[in-house]
Amino acid sequence: MTDFSRRGFLALGGAGMLAACQNTVVGNGVGSQGGAQIDARVRETQAYLFNNFPGTKQLAGRASGILTMPLVTEAGFGFGGAYGRGVLQIQGTTVDYYSATKASIGFQIGAQQYAHMLFFTTDQALQDFRRSPGWAASADIRYATPAEGGSIGKETTELDPVIAFVFGQQGLMAGATLAGVKYTRIIV
């Protein structure tokens, strides 16, 4: 009976998480109007970040390229995953669409949504990203908090080839990190 209770609890919890995320995942670009919807969300996301954290607009002006993921949905109950779609822009022009996926296992429960942007501050970092068949976020990324967005300076961009901003978090999971996220070029 104890085994059944644990299995039943896990199955019920997993089904509940899946049901709770169904509308979120569908609203995350899966089965949507493709590129037009992603582009609209990217414009809104960038406007939000640049208006609320003015230093990020200057950083964007100096960046070789920017990957914007306007909506990433993450959920977990022992096993977890995340998914989102966005665009890579070079000098303000969309050049490619990307998906971000993440799988995890461990002590976790909950769901959240967030946006993130990767600023490639060197041509080499951007080239490495674009040439990779599936680029994985790693310790090479410098994470900046939105509070730093108003004061991120030239010295930061000279030292860090990729700067990530994670913002707009909503949900019941603590924190958001891009460690282990895999970015893959997609066709929309």
N, C-alpha and C. Protein backbone atom coordinates (compact mmCIF):
# COMPACT_ATOMS: atom_id res chain seq x y z
N MET A 1 0.82 -1.19 0.00
CA MET A 1 0.00 0.00 0.00
C MET A 1 0.86 1.26 0.00
N THR A 2 1.98 1.21 0.72
CA THR A 2 2.86 2.37 0.77
C THR A 2 3.43 2.68 -0.61
N ASP A 3 3.86 1.62 -1.35
CA ASP A 3 4.39 1.84 -2.69
C ASP A 3 3.33 2.46 -3.60
N PHE A 4 2.11 1.96 -3.51
CA PHE A 4 1.05 2.51 -4.33
C PHE A 4 0.81 3.97 -3.99
N SER A 5 0.86 4.32 -2.74
CA SER A 5 0.63 5.70 -2.32
C SER A 5 1.68 6.63 -2.90
N ARG A 6 2.93 6.19 -2.86
CA ARG A 6 4.00 7.02 -3.43
C ARG A 6 3.84 7.15 -4.94
N ARG A 7 3.60 6.02 -5.58
CA ARG A 7 3.43 6.05 -7.04
C ARG A 7 2.20 6.88 -7.42
N GLY A 8 1.13 6.65 -6.69
CA GLY A 8 -0.09 7.41 -6.97
C GLY A 8 0.12 8.90 -6.78
N PHE A 9 0.83 9.25 -5.71
CA PHE A 9 1.11 10.66 -5.45
C PHE A 9 1.97 11.25 -6.56
N LEU A 10 3.03 10.54 -6.96
CA LEU A 10 3.90 11.02 -8.03
C LEU A 10 3.15 11.13 -9.35
N ALA A 11 2.34 10.11 -9.68
CA ALA A 11 1.59 10.14 -10.93
C ALA A 11 0.58 11.29 -10.92
N LEU A 12 -0.13 11.46 -9.82
CA LEU A 12 -1.11 12.52 -9.73
C LEU A 12 -0.44 13.89 -9.79
N GLY A 13 0.68 14.03 -9.09
CA GLY A 13 1.42 15.30 -9.11
C GLY A 13 1.95 15.60 -10.50
N GLY A 14 2.50 14.60 -11.17
CA GLY A 14 3.03 14.79 -12.53
C GLY A 14 1.92 15.16 -13.50
N ALA A 15 0.77 14.48 -13.39
CA ALA A 15 -0.36 14.79 -14.27
C ALA A 15 -0.87 16.21 -14.00
N GLY A 16 -0.90 16.58 -12.74
CA GLY A 16 -1.34 17.93 -12.39
C GLY A 16 -0.41 19.00 -12.94
N MET A 17 0.90 18.76 -12.85
CA MET A 17 1.87 19.71 -13.39
C MET A 17 1.72 19.82 -14.89
N LEU A 18 1.55 18.69 -15.55
CA LEU A 18 1.39 18.69 -17.00
C LEU A 18 0.13 19.45 -17.40
N ALA A 19 -0.94 19.23 -16.69
CA ALA A 19 -2.18 19.93 -17.00
C ALA A 19 -2.05 21.42 -16.74
N ALA A 20 -1.38 21.78 -15.68
CA ALA A 20 -1.20 23.19 -15.36
C ALA A 20 -0.35 23.90 -16.40
N CYS A 21 0.58 23.18 -16.98
CA CYS A 21 1.48 23.78 -17.96
C CYS A 21 0.97 23.70 -19.38
N GLN A 22 -0.12 22.98 -19.61
CA GLN A 22 -0.59 22.79 -20.98
C GLN A 22 -0.84 24.11 -21.67
N ASN A 23 -1.59 24.99 -21.06
CA ASN A 23 -1.86 26.29 -21.69
C ASN A 23 -0.60 27.12 -21.78
N THR A 24 0.26 26.97 -20.81
CA THR A 24 1.51 27.71 -20.83
C THR A 24 2.38 27.27 -21.98
N VAL A 25 2.51 25.97 -22.20
CA VAL A 25 3.34 25.48 -23.28
C VAL A 25 2.74 25.85 -24.62
N VAL A 26 1.42 25.72 -24.77
CA VAL A 26 0.78 26.10 -26.02
C VAL A 26 1.00 27.59 -26.26
N GLY A 27 0.91 28.40 -25.21
CA GLY A 27 1.15 29.83 -25.34
C GLY A 27 2.62 30.16 -25.52
N ASN A 28 3.47 29.18 -25.41
CA ASN A 28 4.91 29.39 -25.52
C ASN A 28 5.40 29.20 -26.95
N GLY A 29 4.51 29.08 -27.90
CA GLY A 29 4.93 29.01 -29.29
C GLY A 29 4.65 27.67 -29.95
N VAL A 30 4.41 26.63 -29.17
CA VAL A 30 4.14 25.32 -29.75
C VAL A 30 2.76 25.36 -30.40
N GLY A 31 2.69 25.09 -31.68
CA GLY A 31 1.42 25.12 -32.39
C GLY A 31 0.87 26.52 -32.61
N SER A 32 1.71 27.52 -32.56
CA SER A 32 1.26 28.89 -32.72
C SER A 32 1.47 29.37 -34.15
N GLN A 33 1.36 30.67 -34.35
CA GLN A 33 1.55 31.25 -35.68
C GLN A 33 3.03 31.40 -36.02
N GLY A 34 3.88 30.77 -35.29
CA GLY A 34 5.30 30.74 -35.62
C GLY A 34 6.01 32.06 -35.45
N GLY A 35 6.74 32.42 -36.49
CA GLY A 35 7.64 33.57 -36.43
C GLY A 35 6.99 34.88 -36.05
N ALA A 36 5.81 35.15 -36.55
CA ALA A 36 5.16 36.44 -36.26
C ALA A 36 4.90 36.61 -34.77
N GLN A 37 4.44 35.55 -34.12
CA GLN A 37 4.16 35.63 -32.69
C GLN A 37 5.46 35.75 -31.89
N ILE A 38 6.46 35.01 -32.28
CA ILE A 38 7.75 35.10 -31.58
C ILE A 38 8.33 36.50 -31.74
N ASP A 39 8.29 37.05 -32.96
CA ASP A 39 8.82 38.39 -33.21
C ASP A 39 8.11 39.44 -32.36
N ALA A 40 6.79 39.34 -32.26
CA ALA A 40 6.02 40.29 -31.45
C ALA A 40 6.41 40.20 -29.98
N ARG A 41 6.59 38.99 -29.48
CA ARG A 41 6.99 38.82 -28.07
C ARG A 41 8.40 39.33 -27.84
N VAL A 42 9.27 39.14 -28.81
CA VAL A 42 10.65 39.63 -28.68
C VAL A 42 10.65 41.15 -28.59
N ARG A 43 9.88 41.82 -29.43
CA ARG A 43 9.81 43.30 -29.39
C ARG A 43 9.32 43.77 -28.02
N GLU A 44 8.28 43.13 -27.49
CA GLU A 44 7.75 43.51 -26.18
C GLU A 44 8.77 43.27 -25.07
N THR A 45 9.45 42.15 -25.13
CA THR A 45 10.44 41.79 -24.12
C THR A 45 11.60 42.77 -24.13
N GLN A 46 12.10 43.08 -25.31
CA GLN A 46 13.22 44.02 -25.41
C GLN A 46 12.81 45.41 -24.94
N ALA A 47 11.62 45.85 -25.32
CA ALA A 47 11.14 47.16 -24.88
C ALA A 47 11.05 47.21 -23.36
N TYR A 48 10.54 46.15 -22.76
CA TYR A 48 10.45 46.09 -21.30
C TYR A 48 11.83 46.21 -20.65
N LEU A 49 12.78 45.40 -21.12
CA LEU A 49 14.12 45.41 -20.51
C LEU A 49 14.80 46.75 -20.72
N PHE A 50 14.77 47.27 -21.94
CA PHE A 50 15.47 48.53 -22.22
C PHE A 50 14.84 49.72 -21.51
N ASN A 51 13.52 49.73 -21.35
CA ASN A 51 12.85 50.84 -20.65
C ASN A 51 13.04 50.78 -19.15
N ASN A 52 13.07 49.58 -18.58
CA ASN A 52 13.20 49.45 -17.13
C ASN A 52 14.64 49.41 -16.64
N PHE A 53 15.55 49.04 -17.50
CA PHE A 53 16.96 48.93 -17.13
C PHE A 53 17.80 49.57 -18.24
N PRO A 54 17.93 50.91 -18.20
CA PRO A 54 18.52 51.65 -19.32
C PRO A 54 19.94 51.21 -19.71
N GLY A 55 20.72 50.71 -18.78
CA GLY A 55 22.08 50.27 -19.12
C GLY A 55 22.10 49.12 -20.11
N THR A 56 21.01 48.36 -20.16
CA THR A 56 20.97 47.24 -21.09
C THR A 56 20.85 47.71 -22.54
N LYS A 57 20.27 48.88 -22.76
CA LYS A 57 20.18 49.42 -24.13
C LYS A 57 21.57 49.76 -24.65
N GLN A 58 22.40 50.32 -23.78
CA GLN A 58 23.78 50.62 -24.17
C GLN A 58 24.55 49.33 -24.42
N LEU A 59 24.33 48.33 -23.59
CA LEU A 59 24.97 47.03 -23.78
C LEU A 59 24.55 46.43 -25.12
N ALA A 60 23.27 46.54 -25.45
CA ALA A 60 22.77 46.02 -26.72
C ALA A 60 23.42 46.73 -27.90
N GLY A 61 23.66 48.01 -27.75
CA GLY A 61 24.31 48.76 -28.83
C GLY A 61 25.74 48.31 -29.09
N ARG A 62 26.40 47.80 -28.08
CA ARG A 62 27.79 47.34 -28.21
C ARG A 62 27.89 45.85 -28.51
N ALA A 63 26.80 45.12 -28.35
CA ALA A 63 26.84 43.66 -28.51
C ALA A 63 26.95 43.27 -29.98
N SER A 64 27.66 42.20 -30.24
CA SER A 64 27.77 41.66 -31.59
C SER A 64 26.46 41.00 -32.01
N GLY A 65 25.73 40.46 -31.06
CA GLY A 65 24.45 39.83 -31.32
C GLY A 65 23.69 39.64 -30.02
N ILE A 66 22.38 39.48 -30.13
CA ILE A 66 21.52 39.30 -28.95
C ILE A 66 20.55 38.16 -29.22
N LEU A 67 20.52 37.21 -28.30
CA LEU A 67 19.52 36.15 -28.34
C LEU A 67 18.46 36.50 -27.31
N THR A 68 17.22 36.64 -27.76
CA THR A 68 16.12 36.99 -26.86
C THR A 68 15.15 35.83 -26.79
N MET A 69 14.92 35.34 -25.59
CA MET A 69 13.92 34.31 -25.33
C MET A 69 12.82 34.99 -24.50
N PRO A 70 11.73 35.38 -25.16
CA PRO A 70 10.73 36.17 -24.46
C PRO A 70 9.89 35.40 -23.45
N LEU A 71 9.81 34.09 -23.60
CA LEU A 71 9.00 33.31 -22.67
C LEU A 71 9.55 31.89 -22.58
N VAL A 72 10.08 31.56 -21.41
CA VAL A 72 10.56 30.21 -21.15
C VAL A 72 9.70 29.66 -20.02
N THR A 73 9.16 28.48 -20.23
CA THR A 73 8.32 27.83 -19.23
C THR A 73 9.10 26.67 -18.64
N GLU A 74 9.17 26.63 -17.32
CA GLU A 74 9.91 25.58 -16.62
C GLU A 74 9.00 24.96 -15.57
N ALA A 75 9.00 23.63 -15.49
CA ALA A 75 8.20 22.93 -14.49
C ALA A 75 8.97 21.71 -14.02
N GLY A 76 8.74 21.35 -12.77
CA GLY A 76 9.42 20.18 -12.25
C GLY A 76 8.71 19.57 -11.07
N PHE A 77 8.82 18.27 -10.99
CA PHE A 77 8.34 17.51 -9.85
C PHE A 77 9.24 16.28 -9.78
N GLY A 78 10.41 16.46 -9.20
CA GLY A 78 11.43 15.42 -9.23
C GLY A 78 12.21 15.49 -10.53
N PHE A 79 11.52 15.27 -11.64
CA PHE A 79 12.08 15.49 -12.96
C PHE A 79 11.54 16.83 -13.45
N GLY A 80 12.36 17.54 -14.18
CA GLY A 80 11.90 18.85 -14.64
C GLY A 80 12.33 19.13 -16.06
N GLY A 81 11.76 20.15 -16.61
CA GLY A 81 12.13 20.55 -17.95
C GLY A 81 11.72 21.99 -18.20
N ALA A 82 12.30 22.54 -19.24
CA ALA A 82 11.97 23.91 -19.63
C ALA A 82 12.01 24.00 -21.15
N TYR A 83 11.21 24.92 -21.69
CA TYR A 83 11.18 25.12 -23.13
C TYR A 83 10.77 26.56 -23.45
N GLY A 84 11.39 27.09 -24.48
CA GLY A 84 11.02 28.41 -24.98
C GLY A 84 11.57 28.60 -26.37
N ARG A 85 11.07 29.61 -27.07
CA ARG A 85 11.56 29.93 -28.40
C ARG A 85 11.84 31.42 -28.49
N GLY A 86 12.83 31.77 -29.31
CA GLY A 86 13.18 33.17 -29.44
C GLY A 86 13.98 33.41 -30.71
N VAL A 87 14.63 34.57 -30.76
CA VAL A 87 15.36 34.96 -31.96
C VAL A 87 16.77 35.42 -31.64
N LEU A 88 17.62 35.25 -32.63
CA LEU A 88 18.96 35.82 -32.60
C LEU A 88 18.94 37.03 -33.53
N GLN A 89 19.34 38.17 -33.00
CA GLN A 89 19.39 39.38 -33.81
C GLN A 89 20.83 39.89 -33.87
N ILE A 90 21.20 40.34 -35.04
CA ILE A 90 22.49 40.99 -35.25
C ILE A 90 22.18 42.38 -35.80
N GLN A 91 22.64 43.40 -35.10
CA GLN A 91 22.36 44.80 -35.44
C GLN A 91 20.87 45.04 -35.61
N GLY A 92 20.07 44.46 -34.73
CA GLY A 92 18.63 44.68 -34.73
C GLY A 92 17.84 43.89 -35.76
N THR A 93 18.50 43.07 -36.55
CA THR A 93 17.83 42.28 -37.58
C THR A 93 17.79 40.82 -37.17
N THR A 94 16.62 40.22 -37.27
CA THR A 94 16.48 38.80 -36.94
C THR A 94 17.18 37.97 -38.00
N VAL A 95 18.11 37.11 -37.55
CA VAL A 95 18.84 36.25 -38.49
C VAL A 95 18.48 34.78 -38.33
N ASP A 96 18.05 34.37 -37.14
CA ASP A 96 17.70 32.98 -36.90
C ASP A 96 16.72 32.89 -35.74
N TYR A 97 15.96 31.79 -35.74
CA TYR A 97 15.08 31.46 -34.62
C TYR A 97 15.71 30.29 -33.86
N TYR A 98 15.55 30.29 -32.54
CA TYR A 98 16.14 29.26 -31.69
C TYR A 98 15.13 28.75 -30.68
N SER A 99 15.34 27.50 -30.26
CA SER A 99 14.60 26.97 -29.13
C SER A 99 15.59 26.80 -27.98
N ALA A 100 15.07 26.89 -26.78
CA ALA A 100 15.86 26.64 -25.57
C ALA A 100 15.19 25.49 -24.84
N THR A 101 15.94 24.45 -24.55
CA THR A 101 15.41 23.30 -23.82
C THR A 101 16.31 22.97 -22.66
N LYS A 102 15.71 22.42 -21.62
CA LYS A 102 16.47 22.06 -20.43
C LYS A 102 15.77 20.89 -19.77
N ALA A 103 16.56 19.93 -19.31
CA ALA A 103 16.02 18.80 -18.54
C ALA A 103 16.81 18.71 -17.24
N SER A 104 16.14 18.36 -16.18
CA SER A 104 16.83 18.26 -14.89
C SER A 104 16.17 17.19 -14.03
N ILE A 105 16.93 16.74 -13.07
CA ILE A 105 16.43 15.76 -12.12
C ILE A 105 16.97 16.15 -10.75
N GLY A 106 16.18 15.93 -9.73
CA GLY A 106 16.62 16.27 -8.38
C GLY A 106 15.47 16.85 -7.58
N PHE A 107 15.81 17.44 -6.47
CA PHE A 107 14.80 18.00 -5.59
C PHE A 107 14.26 19.28 -6.20
N GLN A 108 13.09 19.21 -6.76
CA GLN A 108 12.45 20.37 -7.36
C GLN A 108 10.96 20.14 -7.43
N ILE A 109 10.23 21.20 -7.27
CA ILE A 109 8.79 21.13 -7.42
C ILE A 109 8.30 22.54 -7.75
N GLY A 110 7.40 22.61 -8.69
CA GLY A 110 6.83 23.90 -9.04
C GLY A 110 6.91 24.19 -10.52
N ALA A 111 6.51 25.40 -10.86
CA ALA A 111 6.54 25.85 -12.24
C ALA A 111 6.80 27.34 -12.25
N GLN A 112 7.45 27.80 -13.30
CA GLN A 112 7.69 29.23 -13.44
C GLN A 112 7.87 29.58 -14.91
N GLN A 113 7.74 30.86 -15.18
CA GLN A 113 8.02 31.40 -16.49
C GLN A 113 8.95 32.57 -16.32
N TYR A 114 9.79 32.78 -17.29
CA TYR A 114 10.71 33.91 -17.26
C TYR A 114 11.17 34.22 -18.67
N ALA A 115 11.76 35.37 -18.82
CA ALA A 115 12.38 35.77 -20.08
C ALA A 115 13.88 35.85 -19.84
N HIS A 116 14.64 35.70 -20.91
CA HIS A 116 16.06 35.96 -20.78
C HIS A 116 16.65 36.42 -22.10
N MET A 117 17.73 37.15 -21.96
CA MET A 117 18.46 37.64 -23.12
C MET A 117 19.94 37.34 -22.93
N LEU A 118 20.57 36.88 -24.00
CA LEU A 118 22.01 36.67 -24.01
C LEU A 118 22.63 37.73 -24.90
N PHE A 119 23.56 38.48 -24.35
CA PHE A 119 24.28 39.50 -25.10
C PHE A 119 25.65 38.93 -25.45
N PHE A 120 25.92 38.74 -26.73
CA PHE A 120 27.23 38.26 -27.18
C PHE A 120 28.09 39.49 -27.40
N THR A 121 29.06 39.68 -26.52
CA THR A 121 29.83 40.92 -26.54
C THR A 121 31.06 40.86 -27.43
N THR A 122 31.37 39.70 -27.96
CA THR A 122 32.49 39.58 -28.89
C THR A 122 32.03 38.85 -30.15
N ASP A 123 32.67 39.16 -31.26
CA ASP A 123 32.36 38.46 -32.51
C ASP A 123 32.64 36.97 -32.39
N GLN A 124 33.70 36.63 -31.66
CA GLN A 124 34.07 35.21 -31.51
C GLN A 124 32.99 34.44 -30.74
N ALA A 125 32.46 35.02 -29.68
CA ALA A 125 31.39 34.36 -28.91
C ALA A 125 30.16 34.16 -29.79
N LEU A 126 29.82 35.14 -30.60
CA LEU A 126 28.68 35.02 -31.49
C LEU A 126 28.93 33.95 -32.55
N GLN A 127 30.11 33.92 -33.12
CA GLN A 127 30.45 32.90 -34.13
C GLN A 127 30.40 31.50 -33.53
N ASP A 128 30.94 31.35 -32.33
CA ASP A 128 30.90 30.04 -31.66
C ASP A 128 29.46 29.58 -31.46
N PHE A 129 28.60 30.50 -31.06
CA PHE A 129 27.18 30.17 -30.85
C PHE A 129 26.53 29.75 -32.16
N ARG A 130 26.74 30.51 -33.22
CA ARG A 130 26.07 30.23 -34.50
C ARG A 130 26.60 28.97 -35.18
N ARG A 131 27.84 28.64 -34.97
CA ARG A 131 28.43 27.45 -35.60
C ARG A 131 28.07 26.16 -34.88
N SER A 132 27.66 26.26 -33.65
CA SER A 132 27.37 25.08 -32.85
C SER A 132 26.03 24.47 -33.26
N PRO A 133 25.97 23.14 -33.40
CA PRO A 133 24.69 22.51 -33.73
C PRO A 133 23.71 22.52 -32.55
N GLY A 134 24.21 22.72 -31.36
CA GLY A 134 23.39 22.79 -30.15
C GLY A 134 24.23 23.37 -29.04
N TRP A 135 24.18 24.67 -28.89
CA TRP A 135 25.04 25.37 -27.94
C TRP A 135 24.43 25.27 -26.54
N ALA A 136 25.22 24.86 -25.57
CA ALA A 136 24.72 24.71 -24.20
C ALA A 136 25.27 25.83 -23.32
N ALA A 137 24.38 26.44 -22.56
CA ALA A 137 24.80 27.47 -21.62
C ALA A 137 25.68 26.83 -20.56
N SER A 138 26.74 27.52 -20.18
CA SER A 138 27.69 26.95 -19.23
C SER A 138 28.19 28.03 -18.29
N ALA A 139 29.24 27.69 -17.60
CA ALA A 139 29.83 28.62 -16.63
C ALA A 139 30.49 29.81 -17.32
N ASP A 140 30.63 29.78 -18.64
CA ASP A 140 31.23 30.90 -19.36
C ASP A 140 30.33 32.12 -19.41
N ILE A 141 29.07 31.93 -19.06
CA ILE A 141 28.13 33.06 -19.09
C ILE A 141 28.24 33.85 -17.80
N ARG A 142 28.23 35.16 -17.92
CA ARG A 142 28.17 36.01 -16.74
C ARG A 142 26.70 36.39 -16.56
N TYR A 143 26.16 36.09 -15.38
CA TYR A 143 24.77 36.43 -15.08
C TYR A 143 24.72 37.81 -14.47
N ALA A 144 23.89 38.65 -15.02
CA ALA A 144 23.70 39.99 -14.49
C ALA A 144 22.28 40.07 -13.94
N THR A 145 22.14 40.68 -12.80
CA THR A 145 20.80 40.83 -12.23
C THR A 145 20.16 42.05 -12.87
N PRO A 146 18.83 42.08 -12.93
CA PRO A 146 18.17 43.26 -13.49
C PRO A 146 18.59 44.55 -12.77
N ALA A 147 18.91 44.46 -11.49
CA ALA A 147 19.34 45.66 -10.76
C ALA A 147 20.63 46.22 -11.35
N GLU A 148 21.47 45.36 -11.91
CA GLU A 148 22.70 45.81 -12.54
C GLU A 148 22.45 46.42 -13.91
N GLY A 149 21.27 46.22 -14.44
CA GLY A 149 20.97 46.68 -15.79
C GLY A 149 21.16 48.16 -15.98
N GLY A 150 20.98 48.93 -14.94
CA GLY A 150 21.16 50.36 -15.04
C GLY A 150 22.61 50.78 -14.97
N SER A 151 23.48 49.89 -14.52
CA SER A 151 24.87 50.29 -14.31
C SER A 151 25.88 49.38 -14.97
N ILE A 152 25.44 48.49 -15.84
CA ILE A 152 26.39 47.58 -16.46
C ILE A 152 27.31 48.41 -17.35
N GLY A 153 28.59 48.24 -17.15
CA GLY A 153 29.53 49.14 -17.79
C GLY A 153 30.40 48.49 -18.83
N LYS A 154 31.28 49.31 -19.40
CA LYS A 154 32.18 48.88 -20.45
C LYS A 154 33.12 47.79 -19.96
N GLU A 155 33.56 47.88 -18.70
CA GLU A 155 34.49 46.87 -18.19
C GLU A 155 33.85 45.49 -18.16
N THR A 156 32.57 45.42 -17.94
CA THR A 156 31.89 44.13 -17.94
C THR A 156 31.91 43.50 -19.32
N THR A 157 31.62 44.30 -20.33
CA THR A 157 31.54 43.75 -21.68
C THR A 157 32.91 43.38 -22.22
N GLU A 158 33.96 43.98 -21.71
CA GLU A 158 35.30 43.63 -22.18
C GLU A 158 35.80 42.34 -21.55
N LEU A 159 35.28 41.99 -20.38
CA LEU A 159 35.74 40.81 -19.67
C LEU A 159 34.90 39.57 -19.94
N ASP A 160 33.63 39.74 -20.27
CA ASP A 160 32.70 38.62 -20.39
C ASP A 160 32.17 38.51 -21.81
N PRO A 161 32.45 37.40 -22.50
CA PRO A 161 32.00 37.27 -23.89
C PRO A 161 30.49 37.07 -24.03
N VAL A 162 29.82 36.54 -23.01
CA VAL A 162 28.36 36.37 -23.05
C VAL A 162 27.80 36.82 -21.70
N ILE A 163 26.84 37.72 -21.76
CA ILE A 163 26.18 38.21 -20.55
C ILE A 163 24.71 37.84 -20.64
N ALA A 164 24.19 37.22 -19.60
CA ALA A 164 22.79 36.78 -19.57
C ALA A 164 22.00 37.61 -18.57
N PHE A 165 20.82 38.04 -18.99
CA PHE A 165 19.86 38.67 -18.10
C PHE A 165 18.65 37.75 -18.02
N VAL A 166 18.29 37.32 -16.82
CA VAL A 166 17.09 36.54 -16.58
C VAL A 166 16.16 37.46 -15.80
N PHE A 167 14.95 37.66 -16.32
CA PHE A 167 14.05 38.63 -15.69
C PHE A 167 12.60 38.24 -15.94
N GLY A 168 11.69 38.94 -15.25
CA GLY A 168 10.27 38.71 -15.43
C GLY A 168 9.79 37.38 -14.87
N GLN A 169 10.46 36.89 -13.82
CA GLN A 169 10.09 35.58 -13.27
C GLN A 169 8.71 35.63 -12.63
N GLN A 170 7.92 34.60 -12.94
CA GLN A 170 6.63 34.41 -12.31
C GLN A 170 6.43 32.93 -12.08
N GLY A 171 5.98 32.57 -10.92
CA GLY A 171 5.71 31.17 -10.65
C GLY A 171 6.16 30.77 -9.27
N LEU A 172 6.24 29.46 -9.07
CA LEU A 172 6.49 28.91 -7.74
C LEU A 172 7.81 28.18 -7.59
N MET A 173 8.72 28.28 -8.55
CA MET A 173 10.04 27.68 -8.40
C MET A 173 10.99 28.79 -7.97
N ALA A 174 11.93 28.43 -7.12
CA ALA A 174 12.89 29.43 -6.66
C ALA A 174 14.02 29.57 -7.66
N GLY A 175 14.26 30.81 -8.10
CA GLY A 175 15.41 31.10 -8.94
C GLY A 175 15.30 30.59 -10.37
N ALA A 176 16.11 31.15 -11.23
CA ALA A 176 16.21 30.71 -12.61
C ALA A 176 17.66 30.78 -13.01
N THR A 177 18.15 29.74 -13.60
CA THR A 177 19.50 29.72 -14.10
C THR A 177 19.47 29.15 -15.50
N LEU A 178 20.44 29.53 -16.29
CA LEU A 178 20.48 29.03 -17.66
C LEU A 178 21.46 27.86 -17.79
N ALA A 179 22.07 27.45 -16.67
CA ALA A 179 22.99 26.33 -16.71
C ALA A 179 22.28 25.10 -17.23
N GLY A 180 22.86 24.47 -18.24
CA GLY A 180 22.27 23.28 -18.80
C GLY A 180 21.25 23.50 -19.88
N VAL A 181 20.94 24.76 -20.19
CA VAL A 181 20.00 25.06 -21.26
C VAL A 181 20.70 24.85 -22.59
N LYS A 182 20.03 24.16 -23.49
CA LYS A 182 20.60 23.91 -24.82
C LYS A 182 19.82 24.74 -25.84
N TYR A 183 20.54 25.48 -26.64
CA TYR A 183 19.93 26.32 -27.68
C TYR A 183 20.15 25.64 -29.04
N THR A 184 19.08 25.52 -29.79
CA THR A 184 19.12 24.87 -31.09
C THR A 184 18.41 25.73 -32.12
N ARG A 185 19.02 25.91 -33.28
CA ARG A 185 18.40 26.66 -34.37
C ARG A 185 17.17 25.90 -34.85
N ILE A 186 16.08 26.63 -35.07
CA ILE A 186 14.84 26.03 -35.54
C ILE A 186 14.32 26.76 -36.76
N ILE A 187 13.40 26.14 -37.47
CA ILE A 187 12.72 26.76 -38.59
C ILE A 187 11.27 26.95 -38.19
N VAL A 188 10.78 28.19 -38.32
CA VAL A 188 9.39 28.48 -37.95
C VAL A 188 8.60 28.86 -39.18
